[in-house]
N, C-alpha and C. Protein backbone atom coordinates (compact mmCIF):
# COMPACT_ATOMS: atom_id res chain seq x y z
N MET A 1 4.64 -6.95 9.65
CA MET A 1 3.74 -6.96 9.03
C MET A 1 3.30 -5.80 7.86
N TRP A 2 2.74 -6.34 6.85
CA TRP A 2 2.75 -5.40 5.77
C TRP A 2 1.18 -5.02 5.23
N LEU A 3 0.93 -3.90 4.89
CA LEU A 3 -0.32 -3.80 4.77
C LEU A 3 0.05 -3.21 2.84
N PHE A 4 -1.26 -3.64 2.40
CA PHE A 4 -1.38 -3.70 0.89
C PHE A 4 -2.57 -2.86 0.71
N VAL A 5 -2.65 -2.18 -0.30
CA VAL A 5 -4.03 -1.15 -0.32
C VAL A 5 -4.04 -1.40 -1.82
N PHE A 6 -5.11 -2.03 -2.68
CA PHE A 6 -5.55 -2.44 -4.15
C PHE A 6 -6.70 -1.09 -4.30
N PHE A 7 -6.57 -0.59 -5.24
CA PHE A 7 -7.93 0.37 -5.66
C PHE A 7 -8.12 0.30 -7.25
N ASP A 8 -9.17 0.85 -7.21
CA ASP A 8 -9.65 0.91 -8.82
C ASP A 8 -10.78 2.20 -8.75
N LEU A 9 -9.91 3.13 -8.99
CA LEU A 9 -10.49 4.43 -9.02
C LEU A 9 -11.28 5.12 -10.49
N PRO A 10 -12.41 5.69 -10.12
CA PRO A 10 -12.70 6.06 -11.78
C PRO A 10 -11.73 7.55 -12.25
N THR A 11 -11.61 7.14 -13.27
CA THR A 11 -10.92 8.69 -13.97
C THR A 11 -11.64 9.29 -15.28
N GLU A 12 -12.95 9.26 -15.18
CA GLU A 12 -13.45 9.81 -16.38
C GLU A 12 -13.57 11.35 -16.41
N THR A 13 -13.70 11.98 -15.33
CA THR A 13 -14.05 13.16 -15.26
C THR A 13 -12.67 14.21 -14.85
N LYS A 14 -12.48 15.26 -14.61
CA LYS A 14 -11.39 16.17 -14.19
C LYS A 14 -11.39 16.01 -12.73
N LYS A 15 -12.49 15.92 -12.19
CA LYS A 15 -12.69 15.64 -10.78
C LYS A 15 -12.15 14.31 -10.25
N ASP A 16 -12.89 13.39 -10.96
CA ASP A 16 -12.13 11.84 -10.56
C ASP A 16 -10.72 11.68 -10.58
N ARG A 17 -10.09 12.50 -11.71
CA ARG A 17 -8.68 12.28 -11.56
C ARG A 17 -7.93 12.87 -10.73
N ARG A 18 -8.61 13.99 -10.12
CA ARG A 18 -8.00 14.84 -9.24
C ARG A 18 -8.40 13.86 -7.57
N ASN A 19 -9.40 13.20 -7.84
CA ASN A 19 -9.50 12.66 -6.44
C ASN A 19 -8.59 11.30 -6.39
N ALA A 20 -8.33 10.65 -7.36
CA ALA A 20 -7.61 9.46 -7.57
C ALA A 20 -6.27 9.95 -7.28
N SER A 21 -5.64 11.07 -8.08
CA SER A 21 -4.47 11.67 -7.91
C SER A 21 -4.00 11.69 -6.34
N LEU A 22 -5.35 12.51 -5.63
CA LEU A 22 -4.98 13.03 -4.54
C LEU A 22 -4.86 12.03 -3.41
N PHE A 23 -5.58 10.95 -3.39
CA PHE A 23 -5.80 9.34 -3.02
C PHE A 23 -4.28 8.98 -2.89
N ARG A 24 -3.62 8.67 -4.28
CA ARG A 24 -2.27 7.87 -4.16
C ARG A 24 -1.52 9.04 -3.50
N ASN A 25 -1.31 10.21 -3.68
CA ASN A 25 -0.28 10.97 -2.87
C ASN A 25 -0.59 10.83 -1.66
N ASN A 26 -1.74 10.75 -1.14
CA ASN A 26 -1.78 10.97 0.53
C ASN A 26 -1.35 9.23 0.84
N LEU A 27 -1.45 8.39 0.24
CA LEU A 27 -0.75 7.16 0.56
C LEU A 27 1.03 7.45 0.39
N LEU A 28 1.49 7.61 -0.53
CA LEU A 28 2.94 8.09 -0.45
C LEU A 28 3.35 9.05 0.77
N LYS A 29 2.32 9.90 1.10
CA LYS A 29 2.84 10.83 2.36
C LYS A 29 2.75 9.98 3.70
N ASP A 30 1.84 8.90 3.49
CA ASP A 30 1.67 7.97 4.97
C ASP A 30 2.73 6.99 4.95
N GLY A 31 3.58 6.80 3.98
CA GLY A 31 4.52 6.10 4.33
C GLY A 31 4.34 4.74 3.26
N TYR A 32 3.39 4.46 2.24
CA TYR A 32 3.44 3.68 1.31
C TYR A 32 4.34 3.81 -0.10
N SER A 33 4.59 2.88 -0.56
CA SER A 33 5.31 2.83 -1.64
C SER A 33 4.53 2.13 -3.15
N MET A 34 4.84 2.50 -4.02
CA MET A 34 4.20 1.92 -4.83
C MET A 34 4.45 0.59 -5.60
N MET A 35 3.64 -0.33 -5.24
CA MET A 35 4.28 -1.80 -5.87
C MET A 35 4.08 -1.71 -7.69
N GLN A 36 2.41 -1.68 -7.86
CA GLN A 36 2.17 -1.58 -8.99
C GLN A 36 1.26 -0.18 -9.40
N TYR A 37 0.69 0.25 -10.33
CA TYR A 37 -0.20 1.52 -10.55
C TYR A 37 -1.27 1.69 -9.52
N SER A 38 -1.87 0.36 -9.30
CA SER A 38 -2.81 0.67 -8.35
C SER A 38 -2.88 -0.25 -7.49
N VAL A 39 -1.38 -0.43 -6.80
CA VAL A 39 -1.13 -1.01 -5.91
C VAL A 39 -0.06 -1.17 -4.75
N TYR A 40 -0.64 -0.21 -3.61
CA TYR A 40 0.79 0.44 -2.60
C TYR A 40 0.92 -0.52 -1.21
N MET A 41 2.12 -0.52 -0.95
CA MET A 41 2.59 -1.49 0.28
C MET A 41 3.03 -0.68 1.17
N ARG A 42 2.82 -1.31 2.52
CA ARG A 42 3.54 -0.39 3.56
C ARG A 42 3.94 -1.37 4.58
N HIS A 43 5.41 -1.03 5.17
CA HIS A 43 5.98 -1.95 6.35
C HIS A 43 5.15 -1.23 7.72
N CYS A 44 4.84 -1.97 8.77
CA CYS A 44 4.38 -1.74 9.61
C CYS A 44 4.80 -2.37 10.86
N ALA A 45 5.38 -1.90 12.23
CA ALA A 45 6.39 -2.82 13.21
C ALA A 45 5.37 -3.69 13.88
N SER A 46 4.03 -3.15 14.22
CA SER A 46 3.02 -3.94 14.82
C SER A 46 1.80 -4.08 14.25
N SER A 47 1.04 -4.92 14.99
CA SER A 47 -0.37 -5.13 14.54
C SER A 47 -1.11 -3.55 14.85
N GLU A 48 -0.63 -3.18 15.94
CA GLU A 48 -1.32 -2.28 16.36
C GLU A 48 -0.84 -0.77 15.22
N SER A 49 0.00 -0.66 14.78
CA SER A 49 0.60 0.28 13.90
C SER A 49 -0.05 0.18 12.78
N ALA A 50 -0.33 -0.90 12.11
CA ALA A 50 -1.29 -1.50 11.19
C ALA A 50 -2.42 -0.80 10.96
N ASP A 51 -3.44 -1.22 12.61
CA ASP A 51 -4.81 -0.86 12.78
C ASP A 51 -4.84 0.69 12.52
N VAL A 52 -3.49 1.63 12.97
CA VAL A 52 -3.70 3.06 12.97
C VAL A 52 -3.32 3.33 11.27
N HIS A 53 -2.74 2.84 10.61
CA HIS A 53 -2.71 2.67 9.07
C HIS A 53 -4.01 2.72 8.32
N GLU A 54 -4.49 1.75 8.59
CA GLU A 54 -5.83 1.01 8.04
C GLU A 54 -6.79 2.41 8.37
N LYS A 55 -6.71 2.76 9.45
CA LYS A 55 -8.00 3.69 9.69
C LYS A 55 -7.75 5.15 8.95
N ARG A 56 -6.20 5.48 8.49
CA ARG A 56 -5.90 6.26 8.05
C ARG A 56 -6.16 6.20 6.51
N VAL A 57 -6.28 4.88 6.06
CA VAL A 57 -6.79 5.00 4.57
C VAL A 57 -8.25 5.02 4.67
N LYS A 58 -8.82 4.49 5.67
CA LYS A 58 -10.30 4.58 5.46
C LYS A 58 -10.52 6.27 5.64
N LYS A 59 -10.10 7.15 6.21
CA LYS A 59 -10.10 8.93 6.13
C LYS A 59 -9.95 9.45 5.11
N LEU A 60 -8.97 8.59 4.23
CA LEU A 60 -8.54 9.15 2.71
C LEU A 60 -9.53 8.87 1.42
N LEU A 61 -10.46 7.73 1.80
CA LEU A 61 -11.11 7.07 0.61
C LEU A 61 -11.84 8.40 -0.20
N PRO A 62 -11.53 8.15 -1.34
CA PRO A 62 -12.29 8.94 -2.11
C PRO A 62 -13.54 8.70 -2.32
N PRO A 63 -14.77 9.50 -2.82
CA PRO A 63 -16.18 9.23 -2.81
C PRO A 63 -16.50 8.20 -3.83
N LEU A 64 -15.95 8.15 -4.76
CA LEU A 64 -16.25 6.71 -5.92
C LEU A 64 -14.71 5.74 -5.78
N GLY A 65 -15.61 4.58 -6.31
CA GLY A 65 -14.15 3.81 -6.42
C GLY A 65 -14.25 2.50 -5.74
N LYS A 66 -13.30 1.75 -5.79
CA LYS A 66 -13.28 0.86 -5.10
C LYS A 66 -11.79 0.41 -4.47
N VAL A 67 -11.63 0.09 -2.95
CA VAL A 67 -10.41 0.29 -2.12
C VAL A 67 -10.37 -1.09 -1.44
N SER A 68 -9.33 -1.97 -1.19
CA SER A 68 -9.25 -2.69 -0.65
C SER A 68 -7.94 -2.83 -0.02
N VAL A 69 -8.14 -3.28 1.63
CA VAL A 69 -6.85 -3.34 2.42
C VAL A 69 -6.71 -4.52 2.48
N MET A 70 -5.14 -5.23 2.60
CA MET A 70 -5.19 -6.64 3.15
C MET A 70 -3.54 -6.46 3.49
N ARG A 71 -3.66 -7.47 5.17
CA ARG A 71 -2.64 -7.44 5.60
C ARG A 71 -1.98 -9.00 5.71
N ILE A 72 -0.71 -8.74 5.76
CA ILE A 72 0.10 -10.02 5.50
C ILE A 72 1.71 -9.86 6.59
N THR A 73 1.82 -10.96 6.94
CA THR A 73 2.72 -11.27 7.82
C THR A 73 4.41 -11.09 7.14
N ASP A 74 5.27 -10.99 7.61
CA ASP A 74 6.66 -10.44 7.13
C ASP A 74 6.95 -11.72 6.16
N LYS A 75 6.77 -12.99 6.88
CA LYS A 75 6.74 -14.38 6.52
C LYS A 75 5.85 -14.71 4.95
N GLN A 76 4.85 -14.08 4.98
CA GLN A 76 4.01 -14.47 3.81
C GLN A 76 4.53 -13.21 2.71
N PHE A 77 4.95 -12.22 3.14
CA PHE A 77 5.80 -11.11 2.12
C PHE A 77 7.11 -11.94 1.41
N GLY A 78 7.74 -12.44 2.30
CA GLY A 78 9.32 -12.91 2.02
C GLY A 78 8.91 -13.97 0.87
N ASN A 79 7.51 -14.38 0.79
CA ASN A 79 7.19 -15.69 -0.37
C ASN A 79 6.76 -14.78 -1.48
N ILE A 80 6.64 -13.56 -1.65
CA ILE A 80 5.99 -13.11 -2.83
C ILE A 80 7.14 -13.32 -3.88
N MET A 81 7.06 -13.83 -5.35
CA MET A 81 7.82 -13.67 -6.30
C MET A 81 7.28 -12.62 -7.42
N ASN A 82 8.26 -11.87 -7.71
CA ASN A 82 8.09 -10.81 -8.80
C ASN A 82 8.66 -11.16 -9.91
N PHE A 83 7.95 -10.65 -10.95
CA PHE A 83 8.44 -10.96 -12.26
C PHE A 83 8.56 -9.66 -13.43
N TRP A 84 9.46 -9.75 -14.06
CA TRP A 84 9.34 -8.61 -15.06
C TRP A 84 9.47 -9.28 -16.33
N GLY A 85 8.67 -9.30 -17.23
CA GLY A 85 8.51 -10.20 -18.31
C GLY A 85 8.91 -12.03 -17.71
N LYS A 86 9.67 -12.64 -18.08
CA LYS A 86 10.32 -13.61 -17.69
C LYS A 86 11.57 -14.09 -16.99
N SER A 87 11.97 -12.76 -16.67
CA SER A 87 12.70 -12.25 -15.43
C SER A 87 12.35 -12.36 -14.04
N VAL A 88 13.21 -12.85 -12.85
CA VAL A 88 12.80 -12.94 -11.79
C VAL A 88 13.57 -11.45 -11.40
N VAL A 89 12.60 -10.80 -10.49
CA VAL A 89 13.23 -9.74 -9.91
C VAL A 89 13.42 -9.52 -8.28
N GLU A 90 14.73 -9.13 -8.32
CA GLU A 90 14.87 -9.49 -6.54
C GLU A 90 14.35 -8.67 -5.67
N LYS A 91 13.80 -9.24 -4.59
CA LYS A 91 13.11 -8.19 -3.59
C LYS A 91 13.55 -7.12 -2.77
N GLU A 92 13.00 -6.26 -2.44
CA GLU A 92 13.62 -4.96 -1.83
C GLU A 92 14.10 -5.83 -0.18
N PRO A 93 15.08 -5.72 0.05
CA PRO A 93 15.08 -5.82 1.94
C PRO A 93 14.09 -5.12 2.70
N PRO A 94 13.73 -6.19 3.64
CA PRO A 94 12.82 -5.71 4.61
C PRO A 94 13.48 -4.41 5.26
N PRO A 95 12.50 -3.41 5.84
CA PRO A 95 13.28 -2.04 6.67
C PRO A 95 13.55 -3.11 8.14
N THR A 96 14.64 -2.26 8.37
CA THR A 96 15.50 -2.80 10.13
C THR A 96 14.07 -2.47 10.70
N GLN A 97 14.12 -3.41 11.86
CA GLN A 97 13.21 -2.96 12.66
C GLN A 97 13.57 -2.40 14.21
N LEU A 98 13.12 -1.38 14.59
CA LEU A 98 13.88 -0.70 15.67
C LEU A 98 13.38 -1.43 17.26
N GLU A 99 13.95 -1.45 18.05
CA GLU A 99 13.99 -2.38 19.06
C GLU A 99 14.17 -1.25 20.17
N LEU A 100 13.08 -1.49 21.11
CA LEU A 100 13.43 -0.21 22.28
C LEU A 100 13.53 -1.21 23.62
N PHE A 101 14.43 -0.78 24.40
CA PHE A 101 14.46 -1.42 25.70
C PHE A 101 13.87 -0.57 26.95
């Protein structure tokens, strides 16, 4: 399962820029990687793990701006097509899944 966080945060004042930067840095600390400037993604091994990370995003919300969170399955993630200009960019391999017995 993958979590995507999309956001549009104000950057008009110094305080707004600080809040936006803090939000992005906290996403990185929680294991997200930047897909685009205001789109971050993270792999979660289970639905329960995704629940935990969604709750963390809610706690990190800045006072202003719009933040959206979306879950997709590994299969849906595998269907994403990435382009840089007219060139197709290879997808990153999915993380290995840990199995406990």
